[in-house]
């Protein structure tokens, strides 16, 4: 599904990713772990086509992104659901309206506007079933701003499912919830990915949850892949999170 070869991405003088080479197959569940600033968000945005590498080769389902027209790139990106750290919801809209926006990349602007203003009955029925799946069907017509953080996360998951994508990327989806809700959300995401045969790639700070729920763990540090294994060993984790002298802050 995702094929990266010698990928390097820089922002000015800052190298976010360096010589990244890996393959993620359709249906895999992959956790990306590493300290803050290690390149996890950039990595996910690159997978989603939001960020373009400075060098190296990247393809999705054998389509090289550098060779695609803007129209085809937009179509390809519409097939990859992405849940950013801030969830990307519009607080002023109702829940069902935020979910409708999951298909914004699959329609023309005029076509999307008509479906947004007068949603087809089948779309509303589909949205209700998705909200049932994520456990908040009663919130369908509520304004998103009135929902708790955990409920908003579930709206973001429902929106990703409504997008009818082949892959789901999630950037630190449990960073703002307590441990019990974090486990509940990870369980929901992995179950949904399995049910729908989605490729799931998630950045996560909680190493124990990464070990418990993901059969493949990639450790990123300073833009480099430190390890890519079925289980992050104690030694690998010590190296991943060890601070060098230059990173230590004097008291």
C-alpha atoms as a PDB file:
ATOM      1  CA  UNK A   1       0.000   0.000   0.000  1.00  0.00           C
ATOM      2  CA  UNK A   2       2.685   2.530   1.076  1.00  0.00           C
ATOM      3  CA  UNK A   3       6.211   2.274  -0.354  1.00  0.00           C
ATOM      4  CA  UNK A   4       8.915   4.703   0.804  1.00  0.00           C
ATOM      5  CA  UNK A   5      12.486   4.606  -0.482  1.00  0.00           C
ATOM      6  CA  UNK A   6      15.243   6.891   0.876  1.00  0.00           C
ATOM      7  CA  UNK A   7      12.743   9.595   1.832  1.00  0.00           C
ATOM      8  CA  UNK A   8      14.179  12.840   3.201  1.00  0.00           C
ATOM      9  CA  UNK A   9      12.049  15.812   4.215  1.00  0.00           C
ATOM     10  CA  UNK A  10      13.442  19.124   5.462  1.00  0.00           C
ATOM     11  CA  UNK A  11      11.843  22.347   6.613  1.00  0.00           C
ATOM     12  CA  UNK A  12      14.530  24.931   6.017  1.00  0.00           C
ATOM     13  CA  UNK A  13      17.595  23.806   7.930  1.00  0.00           C
ATOM     14  CA  UNK A  14      15.575  21.333  10.011  1.00  0.00           C
ATOM     15  CA  UNK A  15      15.633  17.732   8.783  1.00  0.00           C
ATOM     16  CA  UNK A  16      12.327  16.138   9.848  1.00  0.00           C
ATOM     17  CA  UNK A  17      12.843  12.768   8.108  1.00  0.00           C
ATOM     18  CA  UNK A  18      16.125  11.314   6.889  1.00  0.00           C
ATOM     19  CA  UNK A  19      16.626   8.364   4.530  1.00  0.00           C
ATOM     20  CA  UNK A  20      13.348   6.648   5.441  1.00  0.00           C
ATOM     21  CA  UNK A  21      12.759   3.358   3.634  1.00  0.00           C
ATOM     22  CA  UNK A  22       9.869   1.021   4.461  1.00  0.00           C
ATOM     23  CA  UNK A  23       6.798  -0.711   3.122  1.00  0.00           C
ATOM     24  CA  UNK A  24       3.359  -0.890   4.746  1.00  0.00           C
ATOM     25  CA  UNK A  25       1.039  -3.500   3.283  1.00  0.00           C
ATOM     26  CA  UNK A  26      -2.728  -3.317   2.881  1.00  0.00           C
ATOM     27  CA  UNK A  27      -4.466  -4.255   6.133  1.00  0.00           C
ATOM     28  CA  UNK A  28      -1.426  -3.839   8.393  1.00  0.00           C
ATOM     29  CA  UNK A  29      -1.738  -2.177  11.794  1.00  0.00           C
ATOM     30  CA  UNK A  30       1.357  -0.105  12.564  1.00  0.00           C
ATOM     31  CA  UNK A  31       2.222   2.059  15.582  1.00  0.00           C
ATOM     32  CA  UNK A  32       4.737   4.896  15.266  1.00  0.00           C
ATOM     33  CA  UNK A  33       6.445   5.759  18.553  1.00  0.00           C
ATOM     34  CA  UNK A  34       9.223   8.123  19.521  1.00  0.00           C
ATOM     35  CA  UNK A  35      10.001  11.252  21.548  1.00  0.00           C
ATOM     36  CA  UNK A  36       8.461  14.624  20.743  1.00  0.00           C
ATOM     37  CA  UNK A  37      10.027  16.144  17.634  1.00  0.00           C
ATOM     38  CA  UNK A  38      11.113  12.781  16.251  1.00  0.00           C
ATOM     39  CA  UNK A  39       9.204  13.248  12.971  1.00  0.00           C
ATOM     40  CA  UNK A  40       6.010  11.266  13.653  1.00  0.00           C
ATOM     41  CA  UNK A  41       3.558  13.938  12.475  1.00  0.00           C
ATOM     42  CA  UNK A  42       5.638  14.703   9.373  1.00  0.00           C
ATOM     43  CA  UNK A  43       5.750  10.978   8.603  1.00  0.00           C
ATOM     44  CA  UNK A  44       1.945  10.677   8.760  1.00  0.00           C
ATOM     45  CA  UNK A  45       1.421  13.817   6.684  1.00  0.00           C
ATOM     46  CA  UNK A  46       3.825  12.439   4.090  1.00  0.00           C
ATOM     47  CA  UNK A  47       1.844   9.176   3.960  1.00  0.00           C
ATOM     48  CA  UNK A  48      -1.294  11.245   3.408  1.00  0.00           C
ATOM     49  CA  UNK A  49       0.256  13.322   0.634  1.00  0.00           C
ATOM     50  CA  UNK A  50       0.007  16.571   2.615  1.00  0.00           C
ATOM     51  CA  UNK A  51       3.795  16.806   2.729  1.00  0.00           C
ATOM     52  CA  UNK A  52       6.014  16.112  -0.278  1.00  0.00           C
ATOM     53  CA  UNK A  53       9.525  14.788   0.250  1.00  0.00           C
ATOM     54  CA  UNK A  54      12.650  16.689  -0.815  1.00  0.00           C
ATOM     55  CA  UNK A  55      14.271  13.524  -2.099  1.00  0.00           C
ATOM     56  CA  UNK A  56      13.545   9.839  -2.411  1.00  0.00           C
ATOM     57  CA  UNK A  57      10.597   7.932  -3.869  1.00  0.00           C
ATOM     58  CA  UNK A  58       7.090   7.516  -2.455  1.00  0.00           C
ATOM     59  CA  UNK A  59       4.194   5.569  -3.940  1.00  0.00           C
ATOM     60  CA  UNK A  60       0.686   4.638  -2.811  1.00  0.00           C
ATOM     61  CA  UNK A  61      -0.769   1.485  -4.337  1.00  0.00           C
ATOM     62  CA  UNK A  62       2.022   1.648  -6.946  1.00  0.00           C
ATOM     63  CA  UNK A  63       1.160   5.241  -7.929  1.00  0.00           C
ATOM     64  CA  UNK A  64       4.164   7.556  -7.582  1.00  0.00           C
ATOM     65  CA  UNK A  65       2.992  10.827  -6.062  1.00  0.00           C
ATOM     66  CA  UNK A  66       5.551  12.976  -7.907  1.00  0.00           C
ATOM     67  CA  UNK A  67       4.083  11.929 -11.252  1.00  0.00           C
ATOM     68  CA  UNK A  68       0.416  12.627 -10.396  1.00  0.00           C
ATOM     69  CA  UNK A  69      -1.636  15.607 -11.540  1.00  0.00           C
ATOM     70  CA  UNK A  70      -3.303  17.722  -8.861  1.00  0.00           C
ATOM     71  CA  UNK A  71      -6.634  16.081  -9.689  1.00  0.00           C
ATOM     72  CA  UNK A  72      -5.271  12.559  -9.320  1.00  0.00           C
ATOM     73  CA  UNK A  73      -3.368  13.484  -6.155  1.00  0.00           C
ATOM     74  CA  UNK A  74      -6.605  14.833  -4.683  1.00  0.00           C
ATOM     75  CA  UNK A  75      -8.390  11.612  -5.612  1.00  0.00           C
ATOM     76  CA  UNK A  76      -5.631   9.494  -4.061  1.00  0.00           C
ATOM     77  CA  UNK A  77      -5.685  11.529  -0.857  1.00  0.00           C
ATOM     78  CA  UNK A  78      -9.473  11.146  -0.628  1.00  0.00           C
ATOM     79  CA  UNK A  79      -8.883   7.410  -0.188  1.00  0.00           C
ATOM     80  CA  UNK A  80      -6.738   7.939   2.930  1.00  0.00           C
ATOM     81  CA  UNK A  81      -8.553   9.035   6.086  1.00  0.00           C
ATOM     82  CA  UNK A  82      -6.465  11.230   8.374  1.00  0.00           C
ATOM     83  CA  UNK A  83      -7.251  12.158  11.978  1.00  0.00           C
ATOM     84  CA  UNK A  84      -4.931  15.029  13.012  1.00  0.00           C
ATOM     85  CA  UNK A  85      -3.976  15.830  16.599  1.00  0.00           C
ATOM     86  CA  UNK A  86      -6.574  18.622  16.746  1.00  0.00           C
ATOM     87  CA  UNK A  87      -9.148  16.277  15.112  1.00  0.00           C
ATOM     88  CA  UNK A  88      -9.888  18.793  12.324  1.00  0.00           C
ATOM     89  CA  UNK A  89     -13.542  19.239  13.319  1.00  0.00           C
ATOM     90  CA  UNK A  90     -15.473  22.495  12.892  1.00  0.00           C
ATOM     91  CA  UNK A  91     -16.980  23.273  16.325  1.00  0.00           C
ATOM     92  CA  UNK A  92     -19.808  25.453  14.957  1.00  0.00           C
ATOM     93  CA  UNK A  93     -21.199  22.656  12.784  1.00  0.00           C
ATOM     94  CA  UNK A  94     -23.454  19.864  13.929  1.00  0.00           C
ATOM     95  CA  UNK A  95     -22.040  16.366  14.274  1.00  0.00           C
ATOM     96  CA  UNK A  96     -23.626  15.005  11.102  1.00  0.00           C
ATOM     97  CA  UNK A  97     -22.301  17.994   9.129  1.00  0.00           C
ATOM     98  CA  UNK A  98     -18.733  17.371  10.282  1.00  0.00           C
ATOM     99  CA  UNK A  99     -19.073  13.748   9.239  1.00  0.00           C
ATOM    100  CA  UNK A 100     -20.429  14.734   5.822  1.00  0.00           C
ATOM    101  CA  UNK A 101     -17.176  16.648   5.251  1.00  0.00           C
ATOM    102  CA  UNK A 102     -15.357  13.319   5.248  1.00  0.00           C
ATOM    103  CA  UNK A 103     -16.185  13.031   1.546  1.00  0.00           C
ATOM    104  CA  UNK A 104     -15.191  16.551   0.577  1.00  0.00           C
ATOM    105  CA  UNK A 105     -12.351  15.205  -1.585  1.00  0.00           C
ATOM    106  CA  UNK A 106     -14.643  12.875  -3.539  1.00  0.00           C
ATOM    107  CA  UNK A 107     -16.959  15.533  -5.006  1.00  0.00           C
ATOM    108  CA  UNK A 108     -16.744  18.813  -6.853  1.00  0.00           C
ATOM    109  CA  UNK A 109     -17.247  21.956  -4.765  1.00  0.00           C
ATOM    110  CA  UNK A 110     -20.787  22.406  -6.110  1.00  0.00           C
ATOM    111  CA  UNK A 111     -21.668  18.746  -5.645  1.00  0.00           C
ATOM    112  CA  UNK A 112     -20.353  18.765  -2.081  1.00  0.00           C
ATOM    113  CA  UNK A 113     -22.262  21.961  -1.270  1.00  0.00           C
ATOM    114  CA  UNK A 114     -25.556  20.484  -2.445  1.00  0.00           C
ATOM    115  CA  UNK A 115     -25.021  17.299  -0.395  1.00  0.00           C
ATOM    116  CA  UNK A 116     -24.046  19.413   2.598  1.00  0.00           C
ATOM    117  CA  UNK A 117     -27.065  21.722   2.467  1.00  0.00           C
ATOM    118  CA  UNK A 118     -29.597  18.996   1.614  1.00  0.00           C
ATOM    119  CA  UNK A 119     -28.056  15.669   2.714  1.00  0.00           C
ATOM    120  CA  UNK A 120     -29.502  12.629   0.914  1.00  0.00           C
ATOM    121  CA  UNK A 121     -31.521  10.396   3.229  1.00  0.00           C
ATOM    122  CA  UNK A 122     -29.151   7.473   2.599  1.00  0.00           C
ATOM    123  CA  UNK A 123     -26.212   9.589   3.775  1.00  0.00           C
ATOM    124  CA  UNK A 124     -28.015  10.493   7.008  1.00  0.00           C
ATOM    125  CA  UNK A 125     -28.883   6.843   7.585  1.00  0.00           C
ATOM    126  CA  UNK A 126     -25.257   5.872   6.993  1.00  0.00           C
ATOM    127  CA  UNK A 127     -24.019   8.558   9.390  1.00  0.00           C
ATOM    128  CA  UNK A 128     -26.441   7.389  12.077  1.00  0.00           C
ATOM    129  CA  UNK A 129     -25.194   3.801  11.715  1.00  0.00           C
ATOM    130  CA  UNK A 130     -21.592   5.001  12.003  1.00  0.00           C
ATOM    131  CA  UNK A 131     -22.415   6.978  15.138  1.00  0.00           C
ATOM    132  CA  UNK A 132     -24.039   3.845  16.529  1.00  0.00           C
ATOM    133  CA  UNK A 133     -20.799   1.980  15.828  1.00  0.00           C
ATOM    134  CA  UNK A 134     -18.706   4.535  17.704  1.00  0.00           C
ATOM    135  CA  UNK A 135     -21.213   4.724  20.559  1.00  0.00           C
ATOM    136  CA  UNK A 136     -22.763   8.216  20.263  1.00  0.00           C
ATOM    137  CA  UNK A 137     -25.834   8.004  17.949  1.00  0.00           C
ATOM    138  CA  UNK A 138     -27.757  10.419  20.198  1.00  0.00           C
ATOM    139  CA  UNK A 139     -25.267  13.192  19.352  1.00  0.00           C
ATOM    140  CA  UNK A 140     -26.025  13.244  15.614  1.00  0.00           C
ATOM    141  CA  UNK A 141     -27.775  16.640  15.582  1.00  0.00           C
ATOM    142  CA  UNK A 142     -25.814  18.226  18.436  1.00  0.00           C
ATOM    143  CA  UNK A 143     -23.385  21.064  17.815  1.00  0.00           C
ATOM    144  CA  UNK A 144     -19.880  19.613  17.901  1.00  0.00           C
ATOM    145  CA  UNK A 145     -18.666  22.301  20.329  1.00  0.00           C
ATOM    146  CA  UNK A 146     -21.010  20.925  23.018  1.00  0.00           C
ATOM    147  CA  UNK A 147     -19.402  17.461  22.987  1.00  0.00           C
ATOM    148  CA  UNK A 148     -16.692  16.264  25.352  1.00  0.00           C
ATOM    149  CA  UNK A 149     -13.182  15.671  24.037  1.00  0.00           C
ATOM    150  CA  UNK A 150     -13.732  11.918  23.959  1.00  0.00           C
ATOM    151  CA  UNK A 151     -17.002  12.305  22.055  1.00  0.00           C
ATOM    152  CA  UNK A 152     -15.356  14.599  19.528  1.00  0.00           C
ATOM    153  CA  UNK A 153     -12.692  11.950  18.948  1.00  0.00           C
ATOM    154  CA  UNK A 154     -15.458   9.488  18.122  1.00  0.00           C
ATOM    155  CA  UNK A 155     -16.973  11.967  15.674  1.00  0.00           C
ATOM    156  CA  UNK A 156     -13.552  12.154  13.976  1.00  0.00           C
ATOM    157  CA  UNK A 157     -13.487   8.342  13.750  1.00  0.00           C
ATOM    158  CA  UNK A 158     -17.015   8.290  12.261  1.00  0.00           C
ATOM    159  CA  UNK A 159     -15.977  10.951   9.731  1.00  0.00           C
ATOM    160  CA  UNK A 160     -12.988   8.821   8.719  1.00  0.00           C
ATOM    161  CA  UNK A 161     -15.270   5.814   8.193  1.00  0.00           C
ATOM    162  CA  UNK A 162     -17.760   7.875   6.177  1.00  0.00           C
ATOM    163  CA  UNK A 163     -14.874   8.796   3.880  1.00  0.00           C
ATOM    164  CA  UNK A 164     -14.789   5.142   2.721  1.00  0.00           C
ATOM    165  CA  UNK A 165     -10.999   5.115   2.602  1.00  0.00           C
ATOM    166  CA  UNK A 166      -8.646   2.166   2.274  1.00  0.00           C
ATOM    167  CA  UNK A 167      -6.328   3.464   5.012  1.00  0.00           C
ATOM    168  CA  UNK A 168      -6.661   5.302   8.309  1.00  0.00           C
ATOM    169  CA  UNK A 169      -3.886   7.494   9.703  1.00  0.00           C
ATOM    170  CA  UNK A 170      -4.214   8.848  13.248  1.00  0.00           C
ATOM    171  CA  UNK A 171      -1.836  11.355  14.843  1.00  0.00           C
ATOM    172  CA  UNK A 172      -1.746  10.980  18.637  1.00  0.00           C
ATOM    173  CA  UNK A 173      -5.513  10.332  18.893  1.00  0.00           C
ATOM    174  CA  UNK A 174      -5.375   9.588  22.639  1.00  0.00           C
ATOM    175  CA  UNK A 175      -3.129  12.435  23.811  1.00  0.00           C
ATOM    176  CA  UNK A 176      -5.968  14.429  25.415  1.00  0.00           C
ATOM    177  CA  UNK A 177      -7.930  11.699  27.202  1.00  0.00           C
ATOM    178  CA  UNK A 178      -7.526   9.722  30.413  1.00  0.00           C
ATOM    179  CA  UNK A 179      -6.073   6.160  30.385  1.00  0.00           C
ATOM    180  CA  UNK A 180      -9.458   4.407  30.412  1.00  0.00           C
ATOM    181  CA  UNK A 181     -10.777   6.423  27.452  1.00  0.00           C
ATOM    182  CA  UNK A 182      -7.430   6.028  25.682  1.00  0.00           C
ATOM    183  CA  UNK A 183      -7.714   2.243  25.843  1.00  0.00           C
ATOM    184  CA  UNK A 184     -11.351   2.412  24.738  1.00  0.00           C
ATOM    185  CA  UNK A 185     -10.488   4.555  21.698  1.00  0.00           C
ATOM    186  CA  UNK A 186      -7.527   2.380  20.660  1.00  0.00           C
ATOM    187  CA  UNK A 187      -9.759  -0.689  20.966  1.00  0.00           C
ATOM    188  CA  UNK A 188     -12.395   0.978  18.806  1.00  0.00           C
ATOM    189  CA  UNK A 189      -9.915   2.049  16.125  1.00  0.00           C
ATOM    190  CA  UNK A 190      -8.224  -1.341  15.845  1.00  0.00           C
ATOM    191  CA  UNK A 191     -11.557  -3.189  15.784  1.00  0.00           C
ATOM    192  CA  UNK A 192     -12.946  -0.883  13.101  1.00  0.00           C
ATOM    193  CA  UNK A 193      -9.775  -1.226  11.018  1.00  0.00           C
ATOM    194  CA  UNK A 194     -10.015  -5.018  11.249  1.00  0.00           C
ATOM    195  CA  UNK A 195     -13.739  -5.071  10.412  1.00  0.00           C
ATOM    196  CA  UNK A 196     -13.246  -2.857   7.351  1.00  0.00           C
ATOM    197  CA  UNK A 197      -9.855  -4.303   6.315  1.00  0.00           C
ATOM    198  CA  UNK A 198      -8.243  -0.891   6.636  1.00  0.00           C
ATOM    199  CA  UNK A 199      -4.558  -0.192   6.825  1.00  0.00           C
ATOM    200  CA  UNK A 200      -4.064   1.539  10.191  1.00  0.00           C
ATOM    201  CA  UNK A 201      -1.034   3.699  10.982  1.00  0.00           C
ATOM    202  CA  UNK A 202      -1.072   5.539  14.291  1.00  0.00           C
ATOM    203  CA  UNK A 203       1.457   7.689  16.133  1.00  0.00           C
ATOM    204  CA  UNK A 204       1.214   7.114  19.862  1.00  0.00           C
ATOM    205  CA  UNK A 205       3.159   8.086  22.984  1.00  0.00           C
ATOM    206  CA  UNK A 206       1.817   5.253  25.155  1.00  0.00           C
ATOM    207  CA  UNK A 207       4.309   2.451  24.588  1.00  0.00           C
ATOM    208  CA  UNK A 208       2.314  -0.135  26.540  1.00  0.00           C
ATOM    209  CA  UNK A 209      -0.765   0.394  24.374  1.00  0.00           C
ATOM    210  CA  UNK A 210       1.397   0.250  21.261  1.00  0.00           C
ATOM    211  CA  UNK A 211       2.802  -3.095  22.406  1.00  0.00           C
ATOM    212  CA  UNK A 212      -0.632  -4.453  23.318  1.00  0.00           C
ATOM    213  CA  UNK A 213      -2.587  -3.484  20.219  1.00  0.00           C
ATOM    214  CA  UNK A 214      -0.103  -3.302  17.336  1.00  0.00           C
ATOM    215  CA  UNK A 215       1.745  -6.231  15.744  1.00  0.00           C
ATOM    216  CA  UNK A 216       4.274  -3.846  14.192  1.00  0.00           C
ATOM    217  CA  UNK A 217       6.011  -0.956  15.944  1.00  0.00           C
ATOM    218  CA  UNK A 218       8.288   1.590  14.289  1.00  0.00           C
ATOM    219  CA  UNK A 219      10.559   3.692  16.487  1.00  0.00           C
ATOM    220  CA  UNK A 220      11.428   7.147  15.124  1.00  0.00           C
ATOM    221  CA  UNK A 221      14.170   9.323  16.582  1.00  0.00           C
ATOM    222  CA  UNK A 222      15.538  12.539  15.111  1.00  0.00           C
ATOM    223  CA  UNK A 223      13.917  11.689  11.773  1.00  0.00           C
ATOM    224  CA  UNK A 224      15.538   8.244  11.543  1.00  0.00           C
ATOM    225  CA  UNK A 225      13.993   4.805  11.896  1.00  0.00           C
ATOM    226  CA  UNK A 226      15.678   3.356  14.958  1.00  0.00           C
ATOM    227  CA  UNK A 227      13.809   0.045  14.765  1.00  0.00           C
ATOM    228  CA  UNK A 228      10.929  -1.636  12.952  1.00  0.00           C
ATOM    229  CA  UNK A 229       9.860  -4.770  14.792  1.00  0.00           C
ATOM    230  CA  UNK A 230       6.899  -6.816  16.046  1.00  0.00           C
ATOM    231  CA  UNK A 231       7.632  -5.785  19.627  1.00  0.00           C
ATOM    232  CA  UNK A 232       9.707  -2.914  20.949  1.00  0.00           C
ATOM    233  CA  UNK A 233      12.271  -4.435  23.300  1.00  0.00           C
ATOM    234  CA  UNK A 234      13.411  -2.784  26.520  1.00  0.00           C
ATOM    235  CA  UNK A 235      16.811  -2.122  24.972  1.00  0.00           C
ATOM    236  CA  UNK A 236      15.248  -0.534  21.889  1.00  0.00           C
ATOM    237  CA  UNK A 237      13.033   1.690  24.033  1.00  0.00           C
ATOM    238  CA  UNK A 238      15.959   2.801  26.186  1.00  0.00           C
ATOM    239  CA  UNK A 239      17.841   3.850  23.067  1.00  0.00           C
ATOM    240  CA  UNK A 240      14.754   5.506  21.578  1.00  0.00           C
ATOM    241  CA  UNK A 241      13.998   7.692  24.578  1.00  0.00           C
ATOM    242  CA  UNK A 242      17.527   8.248  25.867  1.00  0.00           C
ATOM    243  CA  UNK A 243      18.503  11.908  25.922  1.00  0.00           C
ATOM    244  CA  UNK A 244      21.902  12.885  24.622  1.00  0.00           C
ATOM    245  CA  UNK A 245      23.942  15.521  26.480  1.00  0.00           C
ATOM    246  CA  UNK A 246      22.939  18.148  23.907  1.00  0.00           C
ATOM    247  CA  UNK A 247      19.252  17.467  24.645  1.00  0.00           C
ATOM    248  CA  UNK A 248      19.557  17.768  28.414  1.00  0.00           C
ATOM    249  CA  UNK A 249      18.367  21.019  29.984  1.00  0.00           C
ATOM    250  CA  UNK A 250      20.355  22.421  32.855  1.00  0.00           C
ATOM    251  CA  UNK A 251      18.286  22.770  36.086  1.00  0.00           C
END
